[in-house]
Amino acid sequence: MEKFKAAVFDLDGTLLDSMGVWREIDVAFLEKRGITLPDDYVRNITPLGFEAAAQYTIARFGLREDPKEIIREWYDMAKDAYANTVMLKSNVREYLEILKTRDIRIAAATSSDFELVRPALLNNGIFSYFEHIVTVRDVTRGKGHPDIYEEAVSRMNILPADTVVFEDILKGIEGAKAGGFRAVGVYDSYSEYEKDAMIELADHYIYDFGELMEGV
């Protein structure tokens, strides 16, 4: 890849091998209400923050529940996994270390809450690499729009054109490209259905961060 000054990483499915956790949560949450998980549900809520996902879920299934209670249920179901079992994807720590040695600025842009992802980042030894961790709570619009990436680079005083965004979902790639960022698609089995579209839109596509370390 061409040289860049900053990297903004999505977390779930990009750095953290956590998308399986969320599928299990979605299945259990809906089964508790007598609903079978629709094929498109996960892909529709993945780009959203907790609040928007709760509102979407209520509207789609006609639930008469408080969004805050739904969010609390999701959070309680996920926090144990993030604190104890969520691991890094292959070669993530090694690649972050390379960026650090090259003085590349590093931030995260996530749809998850900070207090949820923080234990996973600490347990896996990568929390200290990030200058900033921006969540969708910090911006007006979710992924699919450039807002979250723009917020990340504004905090680092870096231009979008000098920044590479790493994302495992098409909405993330679309949002990054709309903001003038370079974008790297990262393979995840839970977003394989949109892999071809990501390859077409992204500046680069990888299956493993080790690919970016070749020749280093």
N, C-alpha and C. Protein backbone atom coordinates (compact mmCIF):
# COMPACT_ATOMS: atom_id res chain seq x y z
N MET A 1 0.84 -1.20 0.00
CA MET A 1 0.00 0.00 0.00
C MET A 1 0.87 1.25 0.00
N GLU A 2 0.32 2.33 -0.53
CA GLU A 2 1.01 3.60 -0.47
C GLU A 2 1.14 4.05 0.98
N LYS A 3 2.10 4.95 1.23
CA LYS A 3 2.33 5.41 2.59
C LYS A 3 1.12 6.17 3.13
N PHE A 4 0.92 6.08 4.43
CA PHE A 4 -0.18 6.79 5.08
C PHE A 4 0.28 7.22 6.47
N LYS A 5 -0.43 8.20 7.03
CA LYS A 5 -0.03 8.78 8.31
C LYS A 5 -0.84 8.24 9.48
N ALA A 6 -2.03 7.73 9.21
CA ALA A 6 -2.90 7.25 10.29
C ALA A 6 -3.70 6.06 9.82
N ALA A 7 -4.07 5.22 10.79
CA ALA A 7 -4.93 4.06 10.53
C ALA A 7 -6.09 4.09 11.51
N VAL A 8 -7.30 3.88 10.99
CA VAL A 8 -8.50 3.81 11.82
C VAL A 8 -9.09 2.41 11.64
N PHE A 9 -9.18 1.69 12.75
CA PHE A 9 -9.62 0.30 12.71
C PHE A 9 -11.01 0.12 13.30
N ASP A 10 -11.88 -0.55 12.56
CA ASP A 10 -13.05 -1.14 13.17
C ASP A 10 -12.55 -2.21 14.15
N LEU A 11 -13.37 -2.57 15.12
CA LEU A 11 -12.96 -3.58 16.09
C LEU A 11 -13.61 -4.93 15.84
N ASP A 12 -14.93 -5.04 16.00
CA ASP A 12 -15.62 -6.32 15.86
C ASP A 12 -15.53 -6.85 14.44
N GLY A 13 -14.93 -8.02 14.29
CA GLY A 13 -14.82 -8.65 12.98
C GLY A 13 -13.61 -8.20 12.19
N THR A 14 -12.96 -7.13 12.63
CA THR A 14 -11.76 -6.63 11.96
C THR A 14 -10.52 -6.96 12.78
N LEU A 15 -10.45 -6.44 13.99
CA LEU A 15 -9.35 -6.78 14.91
C LEU A 15 -9.76 -7.88 15.88
N LEU A 16 -11.00 -7.83 16.35
CA LEU A 16 -11.50 -8.80 17.32
C LEU A 16 -12.32 -9.88 16.62
N ASP A 17 -12.06 -11.13 16.98
CA ASP A 17 -12.81 -12.25 16.41
C ASP A 17 -14.08 -12.45 17.25
N SER A 18 -15.01 -11.50 17.09
CA SER A 18 -16.16 -11.41 18.01
C SER A 18 -17.52 -11.52 17.34
N MET A 19 -17.57 -11.62 16.02
CA MET A 19 -18.88 -11.60 15.37
C MET A 19 -19.71 -12.84 15.71
N GLY A 20 -19.04 -13.95 16.01
CA GLY A 20 -19.78 -15.14 16.43
C GLY A 20 -20.52 -14.92 17.74
N VAL A 21 -19.92 -14.12 18.63
CA VAL A 21 -20.57 -13.78 19.90
C VAL A 21 -21.90 -13.08 19.63
N TRP A 22 -21.87 -12.13 18.70
CA TRP A 22 -23.08 -11.35 18.43
C TRP A 22 -24.16 -12.18 17.75
N ARG A 23 -23.76 -13.12 16.90
CA ARG A 23 -24.77 -13.98 16.28
C ARG A 23 -25.45 -14.82 17.35
N GLU A 24 -24.68 -15.35 18.29
CA GLU A 24 -25.27 -16.15 19.38
C GLU A 24 -26.23 -15.31 20.22
N ILE A 25 -25.84 -14.06 20.47
CA ILE A 25 -26.70 -13.17 21.24
C ILE A 25 -28.00 -12.89 20.49
N ASP A 26 -27.89 -12.62 19.19
CA ASP A 26 -29.09 -12.34 18.39
C ASP A 26 -30.04 -13.53 18.37
N VAL A 27 -29.49 -14.72 18.21
CA VAL A 27 -30.32 -15.93 18.19
C VAL A 27 -31.04 -16.10 19.52
N ALA A 28 -30.27 -15.99 20.63
CA ALA A 28 -30.86 -16.20 21.96
C ALA A 28 -31.89 -15.12 22.30
N PHE A 29 -31.58 -13.88 21.96
CA PHE A 29 -32.48 -12.76 22.25
C PHE A 29 -33.83 -12.95 21.55
N LEU A 30 -33.79 -13.29 20.27
CA LEU A 30 -35.03 -13.44 19.51
C LEU A 30 -35.77 -14.73 19.88
N GLU A 31 -35.04 -15.80 20.13
CA GLU A 31 -35.69 -17.05 20.53
C GLU A 31 -36.47 -16.88 21.83
N LYS A 32 -35.93 -16.07 22.73
CA LYS A 32 -36.60 -15.79 24.00
C LYS A 32 -37.98 -15.17 23.76
N ARG A 33 -38.14 -14.52 22.61
CA ARG A 33 -39.39 -13.85 22.26
C ARG A 33 -40.17 -14.63 21.20
N GLY A 34 -39.77 -15.86 20.97
CA GLY A 34 -40.47 -16.72 20.03
C GLY A 34 -40.25 -16.36 18.58
N ILE A 35 -39.10 -15.74 18.28
CA ILE A 35 -38.81 -15.28 16.93
C ILE A 35 -37.57 -16.01 16.41
N THR A 36 -37.67 -16.53 15.19
CA THR A 36 -36.51 -17.14 14.54
C THR A 36 -35.67 -16.05 13.88
N LEU A 37 -34.36 -16.15 14.01
CA LEU A 37 -33.46 -15.15 13.45
C LEU A 37 -33.60 -15.06 11.94
N PRO A 38 -34.06 -13.92 11.39
CA PRO A 38 -34.14 -13.77 9.93
C PRO A 38 -32.74 -13.71 9.31
N ASP A 39 -32.63 -14.13 8.07
CA ASP A 39 -31.33 -14.17 7.40
C ASP A 39 -30.66 -12.80 7.32
N ASP A 40 -31.46 -11.74 7.18
CA ASP A 40 -30.88 -10.41 6.95
C ASP A 40 -30.75 -9.58 8.23
N TYR A 41 -31.17 -10.12 9.37
CA TYR A 41 -31.19 -9.32 10.60
C TYR A 41 -29.80 -8.87 11.02
N VAL A 42 -28.86 -9.80 11.07
CA VAL A 42 -27.51 -9.46 11.54
C VAL A 42 -26.87 -8.42 10.64
N ARG A 43 -26.99 -8.59 9.33
CA ARG A 43 -26.35 -7.64 8.42
C ARG A 43 -26.98 -6.25 8.53
N ASN A 44 -28.26 -6.19 8.88
CA ASN A 44 -28.94 -4.90 8.99
C ASN A 44 -28.56 -4.14 10.26
N ILE A 45 -28.30 -4.85 11.35
CA ILE A 45 -27.98 -4.15 12.59
C ILE A 45 -26.49 -3.97 12.82
N THR A 46 -25.65 -4.72 12.09
CA THR A 46 -24.20 -4.65 12.32
C THR A 46 -23.63 -3.24 12.20
N PRO A 47 -24.06 -2.41 11.23
CA PRO A 47 -23.47 -1.07 11.13
C PRO A 47 -24.00 -0.09 12.19
N LEU A 48 -25.02 -0.50 12.94
CA LEU A 48 -25.70 0.42 13.85
C LEU A 48 -25.10 0.37 15.24
N GLY A 49 -25.27 1.46 15.97
CA GLY A 49 -24.97 1.44 17.39
C GLY A 49 -26.09 0.75 18.15
N PHE A 50 -25.91 0.60 19.47
CA PHE A 50 -26.90 -0.10 20.27
C PHE A 50 -28.28 0.57 20.19
N GLU A 51 -28.32 1.90 20.28
CA GLU A 51 -29.61 2.60 20.30
C GLU A 51 -30.38 2.38 19.00
N ALA A 52 -29.69 2.58 17.88
CA ALA A 52 -30.35 2.42 16.58
C ALA A 52 -30.74 0.97 16.35
N ALA A 53 -29.89 0.03 16.79
CA ALA A 53 -30.21 -1.39 16.62
C ALA A 53 -31.43 -1.78 17.45
N ALA A 54 -31.54 -1.22 18.65
CA ALA A 54 -32.71 -1.51 19.49
C ALA A 54 -33.98 -0.96 18.85
N GLN A 55 -33.92 0.25 18.34
CA GLN A 55 -35.08 0.83 17.67
C GLN A 55 -35.47 0.04 16.44
N TYR A 56 -34.48 -0.40 15.67
CA TYR A 56 -34.75 -1.22 14.49
C TYR A 56 -35.44 -2.53 14.88
N THR A 57 -34.94 -3.15 15.94
CA THR A 57 -35.47 -4.44 16.40
C THR A 57 -36.91 -4.29 16.87
N ILE A 58 -37.18 -3.23 17.61
CA ILE A 58 -38.54 -2.98 18.09
C ILE A 58 -39.51 -2.79 16.92
N ALA A 59 -39.05 -1.98 15.95
CA ALA A 59 -39.92 -1.69 14.80
C ALA A 59 -40.13 -2.93 13.94
N ARG A 60 -39.08 -3.66 13.72
CA ARG A 60 -39.19 -4.82 12.81
C ARG A 60 -40.08 -5.91 13.36
N PHE A 61 -39.96 -6.18 14.66
CA PHE A 61 -40.68 -7.31 15.24
C PHE A 61 -41.90 -6.90 16.07
N GLY A 62 -42.19 -5.58 16.07
CA GLY A 62 -43.36 -5.11 16.81
C GLY A 62 -43.27 -5.35 18.31
N LEU A 63 -42.08 -5.19 18.85
CA LEU A 63 -41.88 -5.43 20.27
C LEU A 63 -42.39 -4.24 21.09
N ARG A 64 -43.02 -4.52 22.20
CA ARG A 64 -43.48 -3.46 23.10
C ARG A 64 -42.53 -3.45 24.29
N GLU A 65 -41.31 -3.03 24.02
CA GLU A 65 -40.26 -3.02 25.04
C GLU A 65 -39.52 -1.69 25.01
N ASP A 66 -38.89 -1.38 26.12
CA ASP A 66 -38.10 -0.16 26.24
C ASP A 66 -36.75 -0.39 25.58
N PRO A 67 -36.33 0.49 24.66
CA PRO A 67 -35.02 0.32 24.02
C PRO A 67 -33.88 0.20 25.03
N LYS A 68 -33.97 0.94 26.12
CA LYS A 68 -32.90 0.88 27.12
C LYS A 68 -32.80 -0.50 27.77
N GLU A 69 -33.95 -1.15 27.96
CA GLU A 69 -33.93 -2.50 28.54
C GLU A 69 -33.37 -3.53 27.55
N ILE A 70 -33.68 -3.34 26.27
CA ILE A 70 -33.11 -4.22 25.25
C ILE A 70 -31.59 -4.06 25.21
N ILE A 71 -31.12 -2.83 25.24
CA ILE A 71 -29.68 -2.57 25.22
C ILE A 71 -29.01 -3.19 26.44
N ARG A 72 -29.64 -3.06 27.59
CA ARG A 72 -29.08 -3.64 28.81
C ARG A 72 -29.01 -5.16 28.71
N GLU A 73 -30.02 -5.77 28.11
CA GLU A 73 -30.02 -7.24 27.94
C GLU A 73 -28.88 -7.66 27.01
N TRP A 74 -28.72 -6.96 25.90
CA TRP A 74 -27.62 -7.27 24.98
C TRP A 74 -26.28 -7.11 25.68
N TYR A 75 -26.14 -6.01 26.41
CA TYR A 75 -24.87 -5.71 27.07
C TYR A 75 -24.53 -6.80 28.09
N ASP A 76 -25.52 -7.20 28.87
CA ASP A 76 -25.28 -8.23 29.88
C ASP A 76 -24.91 -9.57 29.25
N MET A 77 -25.49 -9.86 28.08
CA MET A 77 -25.18 -11.10 27.39
C MET A 77 -23.77 -11.09 26.81
N ALA A 78 -23.30 -9.91 26.44
CA ALA A 78 -22.01 -9.80 25.75
C ALA A 78 -20.82 -9.58 26.68
N LYS A 79 -21.04 -8.97 27.83
CA LYS A 79 -19.90 -8.50 28.62
C LYS A 79 -18.99 -9.62 29.11
N ASP A 80 -19.56 -10.78 29.42
CA ASP A 80 -18.72 -11.89 29.88
C ASP A 80 -17.79 -12.36 28.76
N ALA A 81 -18.33 -12.46 27.55
CA ALA A 81 -17.52 -12.90 26.41
C ALA A 81 -16.40 -11.91 26.13
N TYR A 82 -16.71 -10.62 26.15
CA TYR A 82 -15.69 -9.61 25.86
C TYR A 82 -14.63 -9.56 26.96
N ALA A 83 -15.04 -9.86 28.17
CA ALA A 83 -14.10 -9.81 29.29
C ALA A 83 -13.23 -11.06 29.38
N ASN A 84 -13.69 -12.18 28.79
CA ASN A 84 -13.00 -13.44 29.04
C ASN A 84 -12.63 -14.27 27.82
N THR A 85 -13.42 -14.21 26.75
CA THR A 85 -13.18 -15.18 25.67
C THR A 85 -12.90 -14.58 24.30
N VAL A 86 -13.23 -13.32 24.05
CA VAL A 86 -13.00 -12.75 22.72
C VAL A 86 -11.50 -12.59 22.49
N MET A 87 -11.04 -13.10 21.35
CA MET A 87 -9.62 -13.07 21.01
C MET A 87 -9.37 -12.18 19.80
N LEU A 88 -8.08 -11.92 19.54
CA LEU A 88 -7.69 -11.17 18.35
C LEU A 88 -7.72 -12.07 17.13
N LYS A 89 -7.92 -11.47 15.98
CA LYS A 89 -7.73 -12.18 14.73
C LYS A 89 -6.22 -12.29 14.46
N SER A 90 -5.89 -13.14 13.53
CA SER A 90 -4.49 -13.50 13.29
C SER A 90 -3.63 -12.28 12.91
N ASN A 91 -2.48 -12.18 13.56
CA ASN A 91 -1.44 -11.18 13.25
C ASN A 91 -1.85 -9.74 13.54
N VAL A 92 -2.89 -9.54 14.30
CA VAL A 92 -3.34 -8.18 14.62
C VAL A 92 -2.31 -7.45 15.47
N ARG A 93 -1.90 -8.05 16.58
CA ARG A 93 -0.96 -7.37 17.46
C ARG A 93 0.36 -7.05 16.75
N GLU A 94 0.81 -7.99 15.95
CA GLU A 94 2.07 -7.80 15.23
C GLU A 94 1.98 -6.64 14.24
N TYR A 95 0.84 -6.52 13.57
CA TYR A 95 0.67 -5.43 12.61
C TYR A 95 0.58 -4.09 13.32
N LEU A 96 -0.14 -4.04 14.43
CA LEU A 96 -0.22 -2.79 15.19
C LEU A 96 1.17 -2.36 15.67
N GLU A 97 1.97 -3.31 16.07
CA GLU A 97 3.32 -2.99 16.52
C GLU A 97 4.17 -2.41 15.39
N ILE A 98 4.00 -2.95 14.20
CA ILE A 98 4.71 -2.40 13.04
C ILE A 98 4.29 -0.96 12.79
N LEU A 99 3.00 -0.69 12.83
CA LEU A 99 2.52 0.68 12.64
C LEU A 99 3.10 1.61 13.70
N LYS A 100 3.13 1.15 14.93
CA LYS A 100 3.67 1.96 16.03
C LYS A 100 5.14 2.30 15.78
N THR A 101 5.93 1.33 15.35
CA THR A 101 7.35 1.57 15.12
C THR A 101 7.58 2.53 13.96
N ARG A 102 6.58 2.65 13.09
CA ARG A 102 6.69 3.56 11.95
C ARG A 102 6.02 4.91 12.22
N ASP A 103 5.62 5.11 13.46
CA ASP A 103 4.98 6.37 13.88
C ASP A 103 3.67 6.64 13.15
N ILE A 104 2.97 5.58 12.79
CA ILE A 104 1.63 5.72 12.22
C ILE A 104 0.65 5.91 13.36
N ARG A 105 -0.16 6.94 13.28
CA ARG A 105 -1.16 7.20 14.31
C ARG A 105 -2.28 6.16 14.21
N ILE A 106 -2.82 5.72 15.35
CA ILE A 106 -3.78 4.64 15.37
C ILE A 106 -5.00 5.02 16.20
N ALA A 107 -6.19 4.81 15.63
CA ALA A 107 -7.45 5.02 16.33
C ALA A 107 -8.41 3.88 16.00
N ALA A 108 -9.46 3.77 16.78
CA ALA A 108 -10.49 2.77 16.52
C ALA A 108 -11.82 3.47 16.30
N ALA A 109 -12.66 2.85 15.46
CA ALA A 109 -14.01 3.36 15.19
C ALA A 109 -14.96 2.18 15.28
N THR A 110 -15.79 2.16 16.31
CA THR A 110 -16.58 0.96 16.59
C THR A 110 -18.06 1.25 16.81
N SER A 111 -18.88 0.29 16.44
CA SER A 111 -20.31 0.38 16.72
C SER A 111 -20.64 -0.09 18.13
N SER A 112 -19.68 -0.74 18.78
CA SER A 112 -19.89 -1.23 20.15
C SER A 112 -19.59 -0.13 21.16
N ASP A 113 -20.05 -0.31 22.38
CA ASP A 113 -19.78 0.65 23.45
C ASP A 113 -18.35 0.51 23.95
N PHE A 114 -17.77 1.62 24.36
CA PHE A 114 -16.39 1.63 24.84
C PHE A 114 -16.20 0.68 26.02
N GLU A 115 -17.12 0.72 26.98
CA GLU A 115 -16.96 -0.09 28.18
C GLU A 115 -17.09 -1.58 27.88
N LEU A 116 -17.70 -1.92 26.75
CA LEU A 116 -17.81 -3.32 26.36
C LEU A 116 -16.51 -3.82 25.73
N VAL A 117 -15.96 -3.03 24.81
CA VAL A 117 -14.76 -3.49 24.09
C VAL A 117 -13.47 -3.31 24.89
N ARG A 118 -13.49 -2.40 25.84
CA ARG A 118 -12.26 -2.10 26.59
C ARG A 118 -11.63 -3.35 27.22
N PRO A 119 -12.39 -4.22 27.92
CA PRO A 119 -11.76 -5.41 28.51
C PRO A 119 -11.11 -6.32 27.47
N ALA A 120 -11.72 -6.47 26.30
CA ALA A 120 -11.15 -7.32 25.27
C ALA A 120 -9.84 -6.74 24.75
N LEU A 121 -9.80 -5.43 24.59
CA LEU A 121 -8.57 -4.79 24.12
C LEU A 121 -7.47 -4.90 25.17
N LEU A 122 -7.83 -4.74 26.44
CA LEU A 122 -6.84 -4.87 27.51
C LEU A 122 -6.35 -6.30 27.64
N ASN A 123 -7.26 -7.25 27.66
CA ASN A 123 -6.89 -8.66 27.83
C ASN A 123 -6.00 -9.16 26.71
N ASN A 124 -6.19 -8.61 25.52
CA ASN A 124 -5.40 -9.04 24.37
C ASN A 124 -4.17 -8.17 24.13
N GLY A 125 -3.94 -7.22 25.04
CA GLY A 125 -2.71 -6.45 25.01
C GLY A 125 -2.59 -5.42 23.91
N ILE A 126 -3.72 -4.88 23.41
CA ILE A 126 -3.62 -3.89 22.34
C ILE A 126 -4.25 -2.54 22.69
N PHE A 127 -4.81 -2.42 23.89
CA PHE A 127 -5.49 -1.17 24.26
C PHE A 127 -4.56 0.04 24.11
N SER A 128 -3.31 -0.11 24.50
CA SER A 128 -2.38 1.02 24.52
C SER A 128 -1.99 1.51 23.14
N TYR A 129 -2.27 0.75 22.11
CA TYR A 129 -1.92 1.18 20.76
C TYR A 129 -2.82 2.31 20.26
N PHE A 130 -4.00 2.46 20.83
CA PHE A 130 -4.99 3.39 20.29
C PHE A 130 -4.91 4.76 20.97
N GLU A 131 -4.72 5.78 20.16
CA GLU A 131 -4.77 7.15 20.68
C GLU A 131 -6.21 7.52 21.05
N HIS A 132 -7.13 7.07 20.23
CA HIS A 132 -8.55 7.39 20.45
C HIS A 132 -9.39 6.19 20.07
N ILE A 133 -10.49 5.99 20.80
CA ILE A 133 -11.49 4.99 20.45
C ILE A 133 -12.82 5.72 20.32
N VAL A 134 -13.29 5.82 19.10
CA VAL A 134 -14.53 6.54 18.79
C VAL A 134 -15.65 5.52 18.62
N THR A 135 -16.79 5.79 19.21
CA THR A 135 -17.95 4.91 19.05
C THR A 135 -19.05 5.67 18.31
N VAL A 136 -20.04 4.92 17.84
CA VAL A 136 -21.14 5.58 17.13
C VAL A 136 -21.94 6.50 18.04
N ARG A 137 -21.79 6.34 19.35
CA ARG A 137 -22.43 7.28 20.28
C ARG A 137 -21.86 8.69 20.15
N ASP A 138 -20.64 8.77 19.61
CA ASP A 138 -19.94 10.06 19.53
C ASP A 138 -20.31 10.86 18.29
N VAL A 139 -21.08 10.26 17.38
CA VAL A 139 -21.40 10.93 16.12
C VAL A 139 -22.90 10.83 15.84
N THR A 140 -23.34 11.56 14.83
CA THR A 140 -24.76 11.62 14.51
C THR A 140 -25.24 10.39 13.74
N ARG A 141 -24.44 9.97 12.77
CA ARG A 141 -24.84 8.86 11.91
C ARG A 141 -23.93 7.66 12.09
N GLY A 142 -24.48 6.47 11.82
CA GLY A 142 -23.71 5.25 11.99
C GLY A 142 -22.84 4.94 10.78
N LYS A 143 -22.27 3.76 10.78
CA LYS A 143 -21.43 3.34 9.67
C LYS A 143 -22.28 3.22 8.41
N GLY A 144 -21.65 3.44 7.29
CA GLY A 144 -22.37 3.68 6.04
C GLY A 144 -22.24 5.15 5.70
N HIS A 145 -21.85 5.93 6.70
CA HIS A 145 -21.55 7.35 6.57
C HIS A 145 -20.13 7.59 7.09
N PRO A 146 -19.49 8.67 6.67
CA PRO A 146 -18.09 8.90 7.08
C PRO A 146 -17.90 9.49 8.47
N ASP A 147 -19.00 9.81 9.16
CA ASP A 147 -18.91 10.58 10.40
C ASP A 147 -17.94 10.01 11.43
N ILE A 148 -18.00 8.72 11.68
CA ILE A 148 -17.19 8.13 12.75
C ILE A 148 -15.71 8.16 12.41
N TYR A 149 -15.39 8.01 11.14
CA TYR A 149 -13.99 8.06 10.71
C TYR A 149 -13.48 9.50 10.71
N GLU A 150 -14.36 10.42 10.32
CA GLU A 150 -14.00 11.83 10.35
C GLU A 150 -13.73 12.29 11.78
N GLU A 151 -14.53 11.82 12.72
CA GLU A 151 -14.31 12.16 14.12
C GLU A 151 -12.96 11.63 14.61
N ALA A 152 -12.63 10.43 14.20
CA ALA A 152 -11.36 9.82 14.62
C ALA A 152 -10.17 10.63 14.12
N VAL A 153 -10.18 11.01 12.84
CA VAL A 153 -9.02 11.74 12.31
C VAL A 153 -8.99 13.18 12.80
N SER A 154 -10.16 13.76 13.09
CA SER A 154 -10.17 15.12 13.61
C SER A 154 -9.50 15.18 14.98
N ARG A 155 -9.67 14.12 15.77
CA ARG A 155 -9.04 14.06 17.09
C ARG A 155 -7.52 13.92 16.97
N MET A 156 -7.06 13.39 15.84
CA MET A 156 -5.61 13.23 15.63
C MET A 156 -5.03 14.33 14.77
N ASN A 157 -5.90 15.21 14.27
CA ASN A 157 -5.48 16.31 13.39
C ASN A 157 -4.79 15.77 12.13
N ILE A 158 -5.39 14.75 11.54
CA ILE A 158 -4.89 14.11 10.33
C ILE A 158 -5.97 14.21 9.25
N LEU A 159 -5.57 14.35 8.00
CA LEU A 159 -6.53 14.44 6.90
C LEU A 159 -7.03 13.05 6.49
N PRO A 160 -8.28 12.95 6.04
CA PRO A 160 -8.78 11.67 5.54
C PRO A 160 -7.91 11.07 4.43
N ALA A 161 -7.40 11.92 3.55
CA ALA A 161 -6.59 11.44 2.44
C ALA A 161 -5.30 10.78 2.90
N ASP A 162 -4.88 11.08 4.13
CA ASP A 162 -3.65 10.50 4.67
C ASP A 162 -3.93 9.32 5.60
N THR A 163 -5.16 8.83 5.56
CA THR A 163 -5.62 7.81 6.52
C THR A 163 -6.17 6.59 5.81
N VAL A 164 -5.89 5.42 6.37
CA VAL A 164 -6.47 4.17 5.88
C VAL A 164 -7.44 3.65 6.93
N VAL A 165 -8.63 3.32 6.48
CA VAL A 165 -9.66 2.72 7.34
C VAL A 165 -9.71 1.22 7.06
N PHE A 166 -9.75 0.43 8.13
CA PHE A 166 -9.82 -1.03 8.03
C PHE A 166 -11.20 -1.48 8.51
N GLU A 167 -11.94 -2.17 7.66
CA GLU A 167 -13.31 -2.57 7.97
C GLU A 167 -13.62 -3.96 7.43
N ASP A 168 -14.50 -4.67 8.13
CA ASP A 168 -14.90 -6.00 7.68
C ASP A 168 -16.29 -6.04 7.08
N ILE A 169 -16.99 -4.90 7.01
CA ILE A 169 -18.33 -4.88 6.42
C ILE A 169 -18.41 -3.83 5.32
N LEU A 170 -19.30 -4.07 4.37
CA LEU A 170 -19.44 -3.19 3.22
C LEU A 170 -19.85 -1.78 3.64
N LYS A 171 -20.77 -1.66 4.60
CA LYS A 171 -21.20 -0.34 5.04
C LYS A 171 -20.02 0.48 5.54
N GLY A 172 -19.10 -0.16 6.22
CA GLY A 172 -17.93 0.55 6.70
C GLY A 172 -17.06 1.05 5.56
N ILE A 173 -16.85 0.19 4.57
CA ILE A 173 -16.07 0.59 3.40
C ILE A 173 -16.76 1.74 2.66
N GLU A 174 -18.07 1.65 2.52
CA GLU A 174 -18.82 2.71 1.84
C GLU A 174 -18.69 4.03 2.58
N GLY A 175 -18.82 3.99 3.90
CA GLY A 175 -18.70 5.21 4.68
C GLY A 175 -17.32 5.83 4.59
N ALA A 176 -16.30 4.99 4.66
CA ALA A 176 -14.93 5.48 4.57
C ALA A 176 -14.65 6.12 3.20
N LYS A 177 -15.04 5.45 2.14
CA LYS A 177 -14.79 5.99 0.80
C LYS A 177 -15.56 7.27 0.56
N ALA A 178 -16.77 7.37 1.13
CA ALA A 178 -17.57 8.59 0.98
C ALA A 178 -16.88 9.79 1.65
N GLY A 179 -16.04 9.52 2.64
CA GLY A 179 -15.33 10.59 3.33
C GLY A 179 -13.96 10.89 2.78
N GLY A 180 -13.58 10.23 1.70
CA GLY A 180 -12.28 10.49 1.09
C GLY A 180 -11.13 9.72 1.73
N PHE A 181 -11.45 8.67 2.47
CA PHE A 181 -10.42 7.83 3.08
C PHE A 181 -10.03 6.70 2.12
N ARG A 182 -8.83 6.20 2.27
CA ARG A 182 -8.50 4.92 1.66
C ARG A 182 -9.07 3.83 2.56
N ALA A 183 -9.44 2.70 1.97
CA ALA A 183 -10.12 1.66 2.75
C ALA A 183 -9.55 0.29 2.43
N VAL A 184 -9.34 -0.47 3.49
CA VAL A 184 -8.91 -1.87 3.36
C VAL A 184 -10.02 -2.76 3.90
N GLY A 185 -10.50 -3.65 3.07
CA GLY A 185 -11.48 -4.63 3.52
C GLY A 185 -10.78 -5.79 4.20
N VAL A 186 -11.36 -6.25 5.30
CA VAL A 186 -10.78 -7.35 6.07
C VAL A 186 -11.77 -8.51 6.08
N TYR A 187 -11.31 -9.66 5.66
CA TYR A 187 -12.20 -10.83 5.59
C TYR A 187 -12.69 -11.25 6.97
N ASP A 188 -13.99 -11.54 7.05
CA ASP A 188 -14.58 -12.18 8.22
C ASP A 188 -15.67 -13.11 7.71
N SER A 189 -15.74 -14.30 8.25
CA SER A 189 -16.70 -15.28 7.73
C SER A 189 -18.14 -14.81 7.84
N TYR A 190 -18.42 -13.92 8.81
CA TYR A 190 -19.80 -13.47 9.01
C TYR A 190 -20.21 -12.39 8.01
N SER A 191 -19.25 -11.86 7.25
CA SER A 191 -19.59 -10.89 6.20
C SER A 191 -19.16 -11.39 4.83
N GLU A 192 -18.96 -12.68 4.72
CA GLU A 192 -18.50 -13.25 3.45
C GLU A 192 -19.50 -13.01 2.33
N TYR A 193 -20.78 -12.90 2.67
CA TYR A 193 -21.81 -12.70 1.66
C TYR A 193 -21.63 -11.39 0.88
N GLU A 194 -20.88 -10.43 1.44
CA GLU A 194 -20.66 -9.17 0.74
C GLU A 194 -19.19 -8.96 0.37
N LYS A 195 -18.43 -10.04 0.41
CA LYS A 195 -16.99 -9.96 0.14
C LYS A 195 -16.71 -9.40 -1.26
N ASP A 196 -17.40 -9.89 -2.27
CA ASP A 196 -17.13 -9.46 -3.64
C ASP A 196 -17.36 -7.96 -3.80
N ALA A 197 -18.42 -7.45 -3.20
CA ALA A 197 -18.70 -6.01 -3.28
C ALA A 197 -17.62 -5.21 -2.54
N MET A 198 -17.13 -5.74 -1.43
CA MET A 198 -16.06 -5.07 -0.71
C MET A 198 -14.77 -5.03 -1.52
N ILE A 199 -14.45 -6.14 -2.15
CA ILE A 199 -13.24 -6.21 -2.98
C ILE A 199 -13.30 -5.17 -4.10
N GLU A 200 -14.49 -5.01 -4.67
CA GLU A 200 -14.66 -4.07 -5.78
C GLU A 200 -14.51 -2.62 -5.32
N LEU A 201 -15.00 -2.30 -4.13
CA LEU A 201 -15.00 -0.92 -3.66
C LEU A 201 -13.74 -0.53 -2.91
N ALA A 202 -13.19 -1.44 -2.13
CA ALA A 202 -12.04 -1.12 -1.29
C ALA A 202 -10.78 -0.92 -2.12
N ASP A 203 -9.83 -0.21 -1.55
CA ASP A 203 -8.54 -0.02 -2.21
C ASP A 203 -7.68 -1.28 -2.12
N HIS A 204 -7.95 -2.08 -1.09
CA HIS A 204 -7.20 -3.31 -0.87
C HIS A 204 -8.07 -4.24 -0.04
N TYR A 205 -7.85 -5.54 -0.17
CA TYR A 205 -8.63 -6.50 0.59
C TYR A 205 -7.68 -7.58 1.11
N ILE A 206 -7.82 -7.92 2.39
CA ILE A 206 -6.94 -8.92 2.99
C ILE A 206 -7.75 -10.01 3.70
N TYR A 207 -7.15 -11.17 3.80
CA TYR A 207 -7.71 -12.27 4.58
C TYR A 207 -7.03 -12.39 5.94
N ASP A 208 -5.87 -11.79 6.08
CA ASP A 208 -5.06 -11.90 7.29
C ASP A 208 -4.13 -10.70 7.33
N PHE A 209 -3.93 -10.12 8.52
CA PHE A 209 -3.05 -8.96 8.62
C PHE A 209 -1.60 -9.31 8.29
N GLY A 210 -1.28 -10.59 8.31
CA GLY A 210 0.06 -11.00 7.91
C GLY A 210 0.39 -10.62 6.48
N GLU A 211 -0.63 -10.49 5.63
CA GLU A 211 -0.42 -10.09 4.24
C GLU A 211 0.20 -8.71 4.15
N LEU A 212 -0.11 -7.84 5.11
CA LEU A 212 0.41 -6.47 5.09
C LEU A 212 1.81 -6.40 5.69
N MET A 213 2.26 -7.50 6.26
CA MET A 213 3.58 -7.54 6.89
C MET A 213 4.62 -8.15 5.97
N GLU A 214 4.21 -8.66 4.83
CA GLU A 214 5.15 -9.29 3.91
C GLU A 214 6.17 -8.28 3.40
N GLY A 215 7.42 -8.64 3.49
CA GLY A 215 8.49 -7.76 3.02
C GLY A 215 8.90 -6.72 4.03
N VAL A 216 8.25 -6.71 5.23
CA VAL A 216 8.61 -5.72 6.25
C VAL A 216 9.91 -6.13 6.92
